[in-house]
């Protein structure tokens, strides 16, 4: 029984190693998508949906889009 306990504790300590490699996710969706545009021929409902999408886009992506030119870096 004590051998099993030592093995379980050893596995637990191995999982919490301070030098453990962590997965890093880079979200490029803000670079791939653009705000929706609409025309005067669109319905009010379509325009409202586009505005709602654009508000979410602005909230999530406004500060994450990389400028196309190095001089444009904020």
Protein backbone atom coordinates (compact mmCIF):
# COMPACT_ATOMS: atom_id res chain seq x y z
CA UNK A 1 0.00 0.00 0.00
CA UNK A 2 2.77 2.47 0.87
CA UNK A 3 4.45 1.77 -2.47
CA UNK A 4 1.27 2.75 -4.33
CA UNK A 5 0.98 5.93 -2.28
CA UNK A 6 4.57 6.89 -3.08
CA UNK A 7 3.98 6.22 -6.79
CA UNK A 8 0.82 8.35 -6.82
CA UNK A 9 2.54 11.21 -5.00
CA UNK A 10 5.46 11.00 -7.42
CA UNK A 11 3.14 11.30 -10.39
CA UNK A 12 1.40 14.29 -8.82
CA UNK A 13 4.68 16.09 -8.25
CA UNK A 14 5.79 15.41 -11.81
CA UNK A 15 2.68 17.15 -13.14
CA UNK A 16 3.36 20.33 -11.18
CA UNK A 17 6.96 20.85 -12.21
CA UNK A 18 7.79 24.60 -12.33
CA UNK A 19 9.68 24.25 -15.62
CA UNK A 20 6.76 22.59 -17.37
CA UNK A 21 6.13 23.65 -20.96
CA UNK A 22 2.77 25.36 -21.44
CA UNK A 23 0.79 25.44 -24.64
CA UNK A 24 0.60 28.92 -26.15
CA UNK A 25 -2.30 29.70 -28.47
CA UNK A 26 -2.04 32.55 -30.93
CA UNK A 27 -5.44 33.75 -32.11
CA UNK A 28 -5.16 35.20 -35.59
CA UNK A 29 -8.89 35.56 -36.19
CA UNK A 30 -8.74 39.35 -35.79
CA UNK A 31 -6.26 39.47 -38.66
CA UNK A 32 -8.45 37.29 -40.89
CA UNK A 33 -11.85 38.90 -40.30
CA UNK A 34 -13.04 42.41 -40.99
CA UNK A 35 -16.04 44.44 -39.87
CA UNK A 36 -19.24 43.93 -41.87
CA UNK A 37 -20.35 46.58 -44.33
CA UNK A 38 -23.90 47.15 -45.54
CA UNK A 39 -25.65 49.03 -48.28
CA UNK A 40 -28.73 51.23 -48.32
CA UNK A 41 -30.58 48.32 -49.95
CA UNK A 42 -30.14 46.09 -46.87
CA UNK A 43 -32.99 45.66 -44.42
CA UNK A 44 -32.97 47.33 -41.03
CA UNK A 45 -32.57 43.91 -39.43
CA UNK A 46 -29.49 43.13 -41.54
CA UNK A 47 -27.94 46.49 -40.74
CA UNK A 48 -28.58 45.98 -37.01
CA UNK A 49 -26.95 42.54 -37.14
CA UNK A 50 -23.93 44.00 -38.91
CA UNK A 51 -23.65 46.75 -36.28
CA UNK A 52 -23.85 44.18 -33.47
CA UNK A 53 -21.14 42.08 -35.14
CA UNK A 54 -18.96 45.17 -35.60
CA UNK A 55 -19.37 46.14 -31.94
CA UNK A 56 -18.14 42.70 -30.85
CA UNK A 57 -15.34 42.85 -33.42
CA UNK A 58 -14.24 46.26 -32.08
CA UNK A 59 -14.36 45.04 -28.48
CA UNK A 60 -12.28 41.93 -29.19
CA UNK A 61 -9.97 43.10 -31.95
CA UNK A 62 -9.43 46.84 -31.74
CA UNK A 63 -6.12 46.58 -29.86
CA UNK A 64 -4.94 43.29 -31.38
CA UNK A 65 -4.64 44.07 -35.08
CA UNK A 66 -1.06 44.42 -36.19
CA UNK A 67 -0.40 47.35 -38.51
CA UNK A 68 0.61 46.52 -42.05
CA UNK A 69 3.51 48.98 -42.01
CA UNK A 70 6.16 49.10 -39.24
CA UNK A 71 5.73 52.91 -38.99
CA UNK A 72 2.12 52.45 -37.92
CA UNK A 73 2.98 50.68 -34.65
CA UNK A 74 1.35 52.46 -31.74
